[in-house]
Amino acid sequence: MFHSEDCPGRVLYRHVASRWAGLIVLQLWPGPLRFHRLRDALPGISEKVLAQNLRELVRDGLVDREVEPTRPPQVTYSLTPLGGELAARVHGLLTWVGDHAPEVLAARERHDRAS
């Protein structure tokens, strides 16, 4: 499936497996957030990088962007049903990582001692 360079799945995979996309959808999983609340929930992300990632997630149909007609405009982001499904899978992956991190770290230590 992902063997071909022109496979559309590769583009989507690069988006959802990027450094921030999974963490963004997990933050939106419980419910909608405004841009600055989302930024504050993700230490280390710049506003520029957050905006770029949100643009891609909206374009991919994973996140909805709602602009409220206020001065200044307030923008709220929420997951689409497809984005909710992705968030559930990312949560499963991160749960696995959390459950098995001690084993992986122990394996690394054994490997490094043997090398």
C-alpha atoms as a PDB file:
ATOM      1  CA  MET A   1       0.000   0.000   0.000  1.00  0.00           C
ATOM      2  CA  PHE A   2       2.662   2.559   1.001  1.00  0.00           C
ATOM      3  CA  HIS A   3       5.378   1.140  -1.258  1.00  0.00           C
ATOM      4  CA  SER A   4       4.691   3.490  -4.133  1.00  0.00           C
ATOM      5  CA  GLU A   5       6.023   7.054  -3.950  1.00  0.00           C
ATOM      6  CA  ASP A   6       2.787   8.432  -5.428  1.00  0.00           C
ATOM      7  CA  CYS A   7       0.524   6.593  -2.982  1.00  0.00           C
ATOM      8  CA  PRO A   8      -1.983   9.096  -1.517  1.00  0.00           C
ATOM      9  CA  GLY A   9      -1.775   7.243   1.781  1.00  0.00           C
ATOM     10  CA  ARG A  10       1.841   8.343   2.197  1.00  0.00           C
ATOM     11  CA  VAL A  11       0.838  12.011   2.202  1.00  0.00           C
ATOM     12  CA  LEU A  12      -1.852  11.404   4.800  1.00  0.00           C
ATOM     13  CA  TYR A  13       0.512   9.281   6.874  1.00  0.00           C
ATOM     14  CA  ARG A  14       3.103  12.083   6.875  1.00  0.00           C
ATOM     15  CA  HIS A  15       0.411  14.482   8.143  1.00  0.00           C
ATOM     16  CA  VAL A  16      -1.003  12.306  10.915  1.00  0.00           C
ATOM     17  CA  ALA A  17       2.377  10.889  11.983  1.00  0.00           C
ATOM     18  CA  SER A  18       4.056  14.286  12.161  1.00  0.00           C
ATOM     19  CA  ARG A  19       5.564  15.523  15.390  1.00  0.00           C
ATOM     20  CA  TRP A  20       2.467  17.489  16.444  1.00  0.00           C
ATOM     21  CA  ALA A  21      -0.629  16.185  14.622  1.00  0.00           C
ATOM     22  CA  GLY A  22      -1.309  13.275  16.979  1.00  0.00           C
ATOM     23  CA  LEU A  23      -0.926  15.479  20.023  1.00  0.00           C
ATOM     24  CA  ILE A  24      -3.231  18.111  18.518  1.00  0.00           C
ATOM     25  CA  VAL A  25      -6.019  15.620  17.822  1.00  0.00           C
ATOM     26  CA  LEU A  26      -5.641  14.180  21.330  1.00  0.00           C
ATOM     27  CA  GLN A  27      -6.058  17.644  22.837  1.00  0.00           C
ATOM     28  CA  LEU A  28      -9.211  18.164  20.755  1.00  0.00           C
ATOM     29  CA  TRP A  29     -10.633  14.723  21.556  1.00  0.00           C
ATOM     30  CA  PRO A  30     -12.485  15.778  24.736  1.00  0.00           C
ATOM     31  CA  GLY A  31     -14.038  18.755  22.967  1.00  0.00           C
ATOM     32  CA  PRO A  32     -13.533  21.979  21.001  1.00  0.00           C
ATOM     33  CA  LEU A  33     -10.767  24.422  21.909  1.00  0.00           C
ATOM     34  CA  ARG A  34      -9.859  27.910  20.853  1.00  0.00           C
ATOM     35  CA  PHE A  35      -6.473  28.419  19.245  1.00  0.00           C
ATOM     36  CA  HIS A  36      -4.696  29.844  22.296  1.00  0.00           C
ATOM     37  CA  ARG A  37      -6.063  27.202  24.673  1.00  0.00           C
ATOM     38  CA  LEU A  38      -4.820  24.554  22.258  1.00  0.00           C
ATOM     39  CA  ARG A  39      -1.418  26.242  22.028  1.00  0.00           C
ATOM     40  CA  ASP A  40      -1.161  26.455  25.816  1.00  0.00           C
ATOM     41  CA  ALA A  41      -1.991  22.740  26.110  1.00  0.00           C
ATOM     42  CA  LEU A  42       0.973  21.843  23.864  1.00  0.00           C
ATOM     43  CA  PRO A  43       4.184  23.121  25.479  1.00  0.00           C
ATOM     44  CA  GLY A  44       6.934  23.639  22.935  1.00  0.00           C
ATOM     45  CA  ILE A  45       4.745  24.311  19.893  1.00  0.00           C
ATOM     46  CA  SER A  46       4.969  27.722  18.270  1.00  0.00           C
ATOM     47  CA  GLU A  47       1.900  29.550  17.032  1.00  0.00           C
ATOM     48  CA  LYS A  48       3.220  29.259  13.467  1.00  0.00           C
ATOM     49  CA  VAL A  49       3.677  25.477  13.685  1.00  0.00           C
ATOM     50  CA  LEU A  50       0.292  25.032  15.369  1.00  0.00           C
ATOM     51  CA  ALA A  51      -1.398  27.096  12.653  1.00  0.00           C
ATOM     52  CA  GLN A  52       0.347  25.088   9.899  1.00  0.00           C
ATOM     53  CA  ASN A  53      -0.664  21.771  11.466  1.00  0.00           C
ATOM     54  CA  LEU A  54      -4.245  22.888  12.005  1.00  0.00           C
ATOM     55  CA  ARG A  55      -4.466  24.027   8.368  1.00  0.00           C
ATOM     56  CA  GLU A  56      -3.368  20.567   7.211  1.00  0.00           C
ATOM     57  CA  LEU A  57      -5.719  18.770   9.615  1.00  0.00           C
ATOM     58  CA  VAL A  58      -8.633  20.941   8.452  1.00  0.00           C
ATOM     59  CA  ARG A  59      -7.687  20.315   4.814  1.00  0.00           C
ATOM     60  CA  ASP A  60      -7.554  16.558   5.478  1.00  0.00           C
ATOM     61  CA  GLY A  61     -11.061  16.632   6.981  1.00  0.00           C
ATOM     62  CA  LEU A  62      -9.882  15.672  10.476  1.00  0.00           C
ATOM     63  CA  VAL A  63     -10.520  19.000  12.206  1.00  0.00           C
ATOM     64  CA  ASP A  64     -13.298  21.580  11.843  1.00  0.00           C
ATOM     65  CA  ARG A  65     -12.500  25.286  12.088  1.00  0.00           C
ATOM     66  CA  GLU A  66     -15.275  27.615  13.215  1.00  0.00           C
ATOM     67  CA  VAL A  67     -14.809  31.378  13.081  1.00  0.00           C
ATOM     68  CA  GLU A  68     -17.107  33.293  15.407  1.00  0.00           C
ATOM     69  CA  PRO A  69     -18.156  36.738  14.126  1.00  0.00           C
ATOM     70  CA  THR A  70     -16.725  38.729  17.028  1.00  0.00           C
ATOM     71  CA  ARG A  71     -14.160  41.499  17.185  1.00  0.00           C
ATOM     72  CA  PRO A  72     -11.506  40.198  17.087  1.00  0.00           C
ATOM     73  CA  PRO A  73     -12.705  36.964  15.473  1.00  0.00           C
ATOM     74  CA  GLN A  74     -12.519  33.924  17.739  1.00  0.00           C
ATOM     75  CA  VAL A  75     -11.593  30.637  16.131  1.00  0.00           C
ATOM     76  CA  THR A  76     -12.599  27.312  17.640  1.00  0.00           C
ATOM     77  CA  TYR A  77     -11.264  23.939  16.518  1.00  0.00           C
ATOM     78  CA  SER A  78     -12.966  20.584  16.966  1.00  0.00           C
ATOM     79  CA  LEU A  79     -12.579  17.074  15.626  1.00  0.00           C
ATOM     80  CA  THR A  80     -14.665  15.752  12.790  1.00  0.00           C
ATOM     81  CA  PRO A  81     -15.953  12.172  13.172  1.00  0.00           C
ATOM     82  CA  LEU A  82     -12.947  11.045  11.124  1.00  0.00           C
ATOM     83  CA  GLY A  83     -10.619  13.031  13.391  1.00  0.00           C
ATOM     84  CA  GLY A  84     -12.270  11.456  16.438  1.00  0.00           C
ATOM     85  CA  GLU A  85     -11.518   8.014  15.043  1.00  0.00           C
ATOM     86  CA  LEU A  86      -7.896   9.042  14.507  1.00  0.00           C
ATOM     87  CA  ALA A  87      -7.682  10.414  18.067  1.00  0.00           C
ATOM     88  CA  ALA A  88      -8.921   7.102  19.464  1.00  0.00           C
ATOM     89  CA  ARG A  89      -6.216   5.238  17.552  1.00  0.00           C
ATOM     90  CA  VAL A  90      -3.490   7.698  18.557  1.00  0.00           C
ATOM     91  CA  HIS A  91      -4.652   7.318  22.164  1.00  0.00           C
ATOM     92  CA  GLY A  92      -4.294   3.551  21.809  1.00  0.00           C
ATOM     93  CA  LEU A  93      -0.770   3.928  20.460  1.00  0.00           C
ATOM     94  CA  LEU A  94       0.268   6.311  23.222  1.00  0.00           C
ATOM     95  CA  THR A  95      -1.294   4.025  25.835  1.00  0.00           C
ATOM     96  CA  TRP A  96       0.808   1.173  24.446  1.00  0.00           C
ATOM     97  CA  VAL A  97       3.918   3.370  24.586  1.00  0.00           C
ATOM     98  CA  GLY A  98       3.197   4.311  28.192  1.00  0.00           C
ATOM     99  CA  ASP A  99       2.538   0.707  29.158  1.00  0.00           C
ATOM    100  CA  HIS A 100       5.720  -0.606  27.536  1.00  0.00           C
ATOM    101  CA  ALA A 101       8.180   2.277  27.993  1.00  0.00           C
ATOM    102  CA  PRO A 102       9.945   0.579  30.946  1.00  0.00           C
ATOM    103  CA  GLU A 103      10.476  -2.588  28.886  1.00  0.00           C
ATOM    104  CA  VAL A 104      11.820  -0.630  25.926  1.00  0.00           C
ATOM    105  CA  LEU A 105      14.144   1.416  28.116  1.00  0.00           C
ATOM    106  CA  ALA A 106      15.420  -1.770  29.779  1.00  0.00           C
ATOM    107  CA  ALA A 107      16.028  -3.346  26.355  1.00  0.00           C
ATOM    108  CA  ARG A 108      17.976  -0.257  25.264  1.00  0.00           C
ATOM    109  CA  GLU A 109      20.085  -0.411  28.395  1.00  0.00           C
ATOM    110  CA  ARG A 110      20.849  -4.117  27.828  1.00  0.00           C
ATOM    111  CA  HIS A 111      21.743  -3.421  24.208  1.00  0.00           C
ATOM    112  CA  ASP A 112      24.000  -0.488  25.050  1.00  0.00           C
ATOM    113  CA  ARG A 113      25.823  -2.495  27.744  1.00  0.00           C
ATOM    114  CA  ALA A 114      26.405  -5.351  25.293  1.00  0.00           C
ATOM    115  CA  SER A 115      27.707  -3.067  22.538  1.00  0.00           C
END
